[in-house]
Amino acid sequence: MPAHLPSLPGAAAVPVVVLASAVLHAVWNALTHGLRDKLAGFTLISLASAACGAVLVCFAPLPDPAAWPYIAASAALQVAYQLLLLRAYQLGDFGQMYPTARGISPVVVALVSTPLLGHSLPAVQALGIAVVACGLAGLALADGIPGRAQLPALAAALGTGVMIASYTLVDGSGVRVSGSVFGHIAWLFLCQGLVLPLVARARRGPALFTTLRPLYGRGLAGGMLSLLAYGLVVWAQSRGDLSTIAALRETSIVFGALIGAIVFRERLGHRRITASVAVLAGTAVLQLTSAS
């Protein structure tokens, strides 16, 4: 589990852990997008989160009382994130919605965390974040500027990105006062995992359980990957700089572009390749500056 990870020195472990989380994040999003009934898929992911959290809270130390407002706020933001991402996937293509949703997050985190949390942002690090953001924008717009019919999907994707940035900032602050990374993650999983199944039950009624049955395998697999990916990031946030972690985390878009080309047969093209190289170059800059 993330709370027991560091066999590597902290500074060296953080970028490795965040990049591993990025791969897992792209995989679980692809699994979910590939389901015809996306509401059922997201419901199973939330049920996996709640079940895992219910087990973990039995063994994890209670977070410090100062952390509970952060846990509650993060849970609410993550529910909003799931609903917006679900809507984006219902309306748009994986190759456009995923990079758009992920791409806005590091820019928002960098702009907000520096004045709000008092974090310094060296010039070289700012350059790395800017390069990553430009590469992500290139991935999102590789197929051209969206038309009017795509605007609702794009709005949902952009809203998803804002929610990602918001809970990243909340978790980055909360986990540092919780006194227990393991306990923070456990209670967060439990609290946010209970809401979406209730929303789905209200929308579908008793028929929801019939639609869940054939999707158990892929849905629960996606849920476990989602939990592991997010747990790794929360562990990293307890030890690293939020702006750097947010940007490194968004390299999941590169892996998502590859999955889109290989699994969903979406065109990769020279624009996506160039944008991916820009993301990797910015990531390299961030790794070097965070390690120095």
Protein backbone atom coordinates (compact mmCIF):
# COMPACT_ATOMS: atom_id res chain seq x y z
CA MET A 1 0.00 0.00 0.00
CA PRO A 2 1.15 3.58 -0.55
CA ALA A 3 1.79 4.17 3.13
CA HIS A 4 4.56 1.55 3.13
CA LEU A 5 6.23 2.40 -0.16
CA PRO A 6 9.45 4.25 0.42
CA SER A 7 12.36 1.89 0.01
CA LEU A 8 13.72 4.59 -2.30
CA PRO A 9 14.83 7.96 -0.91
CA GLY A 10 11.85 10.32 -0.81
CA ALA A 11 13.06 12.74 -3.49
CA ALA A 12 13.83 9.94 -5.93
CA ALA A 13 10.68 7.93 -5.17
CA VAL A 14 8.13 10.69 -5.79
CA PRO A 15 8.48 11.03 -9.61
CA VAL A 16 8.64 7.23 -10.04
CA VAL A 17 5.48 6.74 -7.96
CA VAL A 18 3.59 9.51 -9.75
CA LEU A 19 4.51 8.16 -13.20
CA ALA A 20 3.34 4.69 -12.15
CA SER A 21 0.07 6.27 -11.03
CA ALA A 22 -0.23 7.99 -14.43
CA VAL A 23 -0.04 4.65 -16.24
CA LEU A 24 -2.66 3.09 -13.97
CA HIS A 25 -4.92 6.12 -14.37
CA ALA A 26 -4.86 5.92 -18.16
CA VAL A 27 -5.63 2.19 -18.04
CA TRP A 28 -8.64 2.47 -15.74
CA ASN A 29 -10.07 5.36 -17.75
CA ALA A 30 -9.72 3.32 -20.93
CA LEU A 31 -11.45 0.35 -19.28
CA THR A 32 -14.34 2.56 -18.22
CA HIS A 33 -14.64 4.38 -21.54
CA GLY A 34 -14.81 1.02 -23.32
CA LEU A 35 -17.99 0.06 -21.46
CA ARG A 36 -21.27 0.75 -23.25
CA ASP A 37 -23.05 1.55 -20.00
CA LYS A 38 -20.69 4.10 -18.50
CA LEU A 39 -22.91 4.94 -15.53
CA ALA A 40 -22.80 1.28 -14.50
CA GLY A 41 -19.02 1.26 -14.95
CA PHE A 42 -18.52 4.32 -12.76
CA THR A 43 -20.90 2.88 -10.19
CA LEU A 44 -18.79 -0.27 -9.91
CA ILE A 45 -15.63 1.81 -9.54
CA SER A 46 -17.26 3.73 -6.69
CA LEU A 47 -18.45 0.51 -5.03
CA ALA A 48 -14.90 -0.84 -5.20
CA SER A 49 -13.69 2.39 -3.59
CA ALA A 50 -16.23 2.20 -0.79
CA ALA A 51 -15.57 -1.50 -0.13
CA CYS A 52 -11.81 -0.99 -0.07
CA GLY A 53 -12.17 2.03 2.19
CA ALA A 54 -14.45 0.12 4.58
CA VAL A 55 -11.77 -2.55 5.01
CA LEU A 56 -8.86 -0.13 5.30
CA VAL A 57 -10.47 2.07 7.98
CA CYS A 58 -10.51 -0.97 10.27
CA PHE A 59 -6.71 -1.02 10.26
CA ALA A 60 -5.68 2.58 9.57
CA PRO A 61 -5.03 5.14 12.30
CA LEU A 62 -7.63 7.89 12.49
CA PRO A 63 -6.55 11.10 10.76
CA ASP A 64 -5.95 14.15 12.88
CA PRO A 65 -9.16 16.16 13.50
CA ALA A 66 -7.68 19.00 11.44
CA ALA A 67 -7.78 16.73 8.36
CA TRP A 68 -11.51 15.96 8.39
CA PRO A 69 -12.66 19.16 6.63
CA TYR A 70 -10.15 18.39 3.88
CA ILE A 71 -11.39 14.79 3.58
CA ALA A 72 -15.02 15.96 3.33
CA ALA A 73 -14.19 18.64 0.76
CA SER A 74 -12.09 16.24 -1.32
CA ALA A 75 -14.83 13.59 -1.28
CA ALA A 76 -17.38 16.13 -2.56
CA LEU A 77 -15.01 17.36 -5.27
CA GLN A 78 -14.25 13.80 -6.38
CA VAL A 79 -17.94 12.99 -6.72
CA ALA A 80 -18.34 16.08 -8.92
CA TYR A 81 -15.27 14.96 -10.88
CA GLN A 82 -16.77 11.52 -11.49
CA LEU A 83 -20.10 12.91 -12.64
CA LEU A 84 -18.45 15.37 -15.03
CA LEU A 85 -16.06 12.76 -16.41
CA LEU A 86 -18.95 10.36 -16.88
CA ARG A 87 -20.80 13.01 -18.86
CA ALA A 88 -17.74 13.82 -20.96
CA TYR A 89 -17.28 10.15 -21.86
CA GLN A 90 -20.95 9.81 -22.74
CA LEU A 91 -20.74 12.76 -25.14
CA GLY A 92 -17.21 12.69 -26.58
CA ASP A 93 -14.34 10.52 -27.82
CA PHE A 94 -11.73 9.15 -25.45
CA GLY A 95 -8.88 10.64 -27.48
CA GLN A 96 -10.21 14.17 -26.99
CA MET A 97 -12.03 14.07 -23.66
CA TYR A 98 -9.26 12.41 -21.66
CA PRO A 99 -6.44 14.83 -22.61
CA THR A 100 -8.74 17.84 -22.28
CA ALA A 101 -9.83 16.82 -18.79
CA ARG A 102 -6.30 16.06 -17.64
CA GLY A 103 -4.54 18.90 -19.43
CA ILE A 104 -6.12 21.81 -17.62
CA SER A 105 -5.29 20.49 -14.16
CA PRO A 106 -1.52 21.18 -13.82
CA VAL A 107 -1.92 24.73 -15.08
CA VAL A 108 -4.67 25.46 -12.53
CA VAL A 109 -2.68 23.82 -9.72
CA ALA A 110 0.48 25.78 -10.58
CA LEU A 111 -1.37 29.09 -10.76
CA VAL A 112 -3.35 28.58 -7.56
CA SER A 113 -0.92 26.72 -5.28
CA THR A 114 1.85 29.31 -5.52
CA PRO A 115 -0.09 32.30 -4.08
CA LEU A 116 -2.66 30.32 -2.07
CA LEU A 117 -0.35 27.85 -0.33
CA GLY A 118 2.79 29.98 -0.35
CA HIS A 119 4.80 27.55 -2.48
CA SER A 120 7.76 28.90 -4.41
CA LEU A 121 7.93 28.26 -8.15
CA PRO A 122 11.46 28.55 -9.57
CA ALA A 123 11.79 29.76 -13.15
CA VAL A 124 13.05 26.42 -14.47
CA GLN A 125 10.20 24.58 -12.79
CA ALA A 126 7.69 27.07 -14.20
CA LEU A 127 9.18 26.46 -17.65
CA GLY A 128 8.74 22.71 -17.22
CA ILE A 129 5.10 23.14 -16.22
CA ALA A 130 4.52 25.46 -19.19
CA VAL A 131 6.04 22.92 -21.61
CA VAL A 132 3.89 20.14 -20.15
CA ALA A 133 0.77 22.31 -20.40
CA CYS A 134 1.51 23.21 -24.04
CA GLY A 135 2.05 19.56 -24.91
CA LEU A 136 -1.21 18.58 -23.24
CA ALA A 137 -3.07 21.33 -25.11
CA GLY A 138 -1.56 19.99 -28.34
CA LEU A 139 -2.87 16.53 -27.54
CA ALA A 140 -6.33 17.85 -26.74
CA LEU A 141 -6.55 19.90 -29.97
CA ALA A 142 -4.70 17.51 -32.29
CA ASP A 143 -7.87 16.89 -34.29
CA GLY A 144 -8.67 20.59 -34.66
CA ILE A 145 -10.82 23.11 -32.82
CA PRO A 146 -14.07 21.53 -31.60
CA GLY A 147 -17.31 22.51 -33.35
CA ARG A 148 -20.54 23.65 -31.71
CA ALA A 149 -21.86 20.11 -31.39
CA GLN A 150 -18.81 19.18 -29.31
CA LEU A 151 -19.11 22.10 -26.89
CA PRO A 152 -21.19 20.27 -24.22
CA ALA A 153 -18.65 17.44 -24.15
CA LEU A 154 -15.77 19.92 -24.03
CA ALA A 155 -17.43 21.87 -21.20
CA ALA A 156 -17.81 18.64 -19.20
CA ALA A 157 -14.17 17.76 -19.85
CA LEU A 158 -12.97 21.23 -18.79
CA GLY A 159 -15.12 21.05 -15.67
CA THR A 160 -13.54 17.68 -14.93
CA GLY A 161 -10.09 19.25 -15.15
CA VAL A 162 -11.05 22.01 -12.72
CA MET A 163 -12.31 19.39 -10.26
CA ILE A 164 -9.04 17.45 -10.61
CA ALA A 165 -7.06 20.59 -9.81
CA SER A 166 -9.37 21.39 -6.89
CA TYR A 167 -9.11 18.03 -5.15
CA THR A 168 -5.38 17.91 -5.85
CA LEU A 169 -4.94 21.14 -3.90
CA VAL A 170 -7.28 20.02 -1.12
CA ASP A 171 -5.60 16.61 -0.74
CA GLY A 172 -2.13 18.11 -0.94
CA SER A 173 -2.95 20.32 2.05
CA GLY A 174 -5.05 17.80 3.98
CA VAL A 175 -2.66 14.87 3.85
CA ARG A 176 0.09 17.00 5.41
CA VAL A 177 -1.98 17.66 8.54
CA SER A 178 -3.66 14.24 8.77
CA GLY A 179 -0.85 12.55 10.69
CA SER A 180 -1.56 9.33 8.75
CA VAL A 181 -1.38 9.03 4.97
CA PHE A 182 -2.88 5.55 5.21
CA GLY A 183 -5.81 6.75 7.33
CA HIS A 184 -6.39 9.77 5.09
CA ILE A 185 -6.60 7.58 1.97
CA ALA A 186 -8.84 4.99 3.67
CA TRP A 187 -11.46 7.47 4.86
CA LEU A 188 -11.38 9.36 1.58
CA PHE A 189 -12.08 6.15 -0.37
CA LEU A 190 -14.98 5.27 1.92
CA CYS A 191 -16.60 8.72 1.92
CA GLN A 192 -16.43 9.44 -1.80
CA GLY A 193 -17.23 5.87 -2.84
CA LEU A 194 -20.71 5.84 -1.30
CA VAL A 195 -22.23 8.77 -3.20
CA LEU A 196 -22.25 7.81 -6.89
CA PRO A 197 -23.95 4.41 -6.32
CA LEU A 198 -26.77 6.29 -4.55
CA VAL A 199 -27.04 8.70 -7.48
CA ALA A 200 -27.13 5.79 -9.95
CA ARG A 201 -29.79 3.98 -7.87
CA ALA A 202 -31.93 7.12 -7.88
CA ARG A 203 -31.63 7.41 -11.67
CA ARG A 204 -32.09 3.77 -12.64
CA GLY A 205 -34.13 2.31 -9.80
CA PRO A 206 -34.02 -1.46 -9.15
CA ALA A 207 -32.97 -2.05 -12.78
CA LEU A 208 -29.49 -0.77 -11.89
CA PHE A 209 -28.49 -4.09 -10.34
CA THR A 210 -29.39 -5.97 -13.52
CA THR A 211 -27.16 -3.69 -15.61
CA LEU A 212 -24.25 -4.07 -13.18
CA ARG A 213 -24.12 -7.86 -13.29
CA PRO A 214 -22.42 -8.40 -16.69
CA LEU A 215 -19.90 -5.61 -16.01
CA TYR A 216 -18.58 -6.79 -12.65
CA GLY A 217 -15.21 -7.97 -13.95
CA ARG A 218 -14.11 -4.90 -15.90
CA GLY A 219 -15.83 -2.42 -13.61
CA LEU A 220 -14.27 -3.74 -10.41
CA ALA A 221 -10.87 -4.09 -12.11
CA GLY A 222 -11.11 -0.45 -13.12
CA GLY A 223 -12.08 0.42 -9.57
CA MET A 224 -9.06 -1.30 -8.05
CA LEU A 225 -6.71 0.35 -10.54
CA SER A 226 -8.32 3.70 -9.79
CA LEU A 227 -7.81 3.24 -6.05
CA LEU A 228 -4.18 2.23 -6.46
CA ALA A 229 -3.46 5.12 -8.82
CA TYR A 230 -4.99 7.67 -6.48
CA GLY A 231 -3.42 6.18 -3.36
CA LEU A 232 0.02 6.48 -4.96
CA VAL A 233 -0.59 10.15 -5.76
CA VAL A 234 -1.78 10.98 -2.23
CA TRP A 235 1.37 9.32 -0.84
CA ALA A 236 3.49 11.41 -3.21
CA GLN A 237 1.63 14.59 -2.20
CA SER A 238 2.68 14.01 1.40
CA ARG A 239 6.33 14.24 0.32
CA GLY A 240 6.63 16.34 -2.84
CA ASP A 241 5.78 19.68 -4.42
CA LEU A 242 2.14 19.95 -5.55
CA SER A 243 2.84 21.75 -8.83
CA THR A 244 5.46 19.22 -9.87
CA ILE A 245 3.29 16.24 -8.89
CA ALA A 246 0.27 17.65 -10.73
CA ALA A 247 2.30 18.08 -13.92
CA LEU A 248 3.98 14.67 -13.70
CA ARG A 249 0.62 13.08 -13.05
CA GLU A 250 -0.74 14.42 -16.32
CA THR A 251 1.73 12.33 -18.33
CA SER A 252 -1.14 9.85 -18.13
CA ILE A 253 -2.33 11.66 -21.26
CA VAL A 254 0.65 10.33 -23.20
CA PHE A 255 -0.23 6.81 -22.11
CA GLY A 256 -3.89 7.56 -22.87
CA ALA A 257 -3.00 8.65 -26.42
CA LEU A 258 -1.15 5.37 -26.96
CA ILE A 259 -4.06 3.37 -25.58
CA GLY A 260 -6.46 5.30 -27.81
CA ALA A 261 -4.36 4.47 -30.88
CA ILE A 262 -3.77 0.81 -30.03
CA VAL A 263 -7.02 -0.21 -28.33
CA PHE A 264 -9.64 2.17 -29.75
CA ARG A 265 -7.97 2.47 -33.19
CA GLU A 266 -7.86 6.26 -32.96
CA ARG A 267 -5.45 8.07 -35.24
CA LEU A 268 -2.23 9.08 -33.48
CA GLY A 269 -0.72 11.32 -36.19
CA HIS A 270 2.31 13.61 -36.12
CA ARG A 271 0.53 16.26 -34.04
CA ARG A 272 -0.17 13.84 -31.20
CA ILE A 273 3.38 12.47 -31.40
CA THR A 274 4.88 15.99 -31.26
CA ALA A 275 2.64 16.95 -28.34
CA SER A 276 3.60 13.74 -26.51
CA VAL A 277 7.30 14.54 -26.94
CA ALA A 278 6.66 18.01 -25.48
CA VAL A 279 4.95 16.46 -22.45
CA LEU A 280 7.85 14.08 -21.89
CA ALA A 281 10.40 16.91 -22.26
CA GLY A 282 8.58 19.04 -19.70
CA THR A 283 8.36 16.03 -17.41
CA ALA A 284 12.12 15.52 -17.64
CA VAL A 285 12.69 19.17 -16.65
CA LEU A 286 10.37 18.76 -13.66
CA GLN A 287 12.14 15.58 -12.53
CA LEU A 288 15.55 17.25 -12.68
CA THR A 289 14.41 20.36 -10.79
CA SER A 290 12.54 18.39 -8.13
CA ALA A 291 15.56 16.15 -7.52
CA SER A 292 18.02 19.07 -7.19
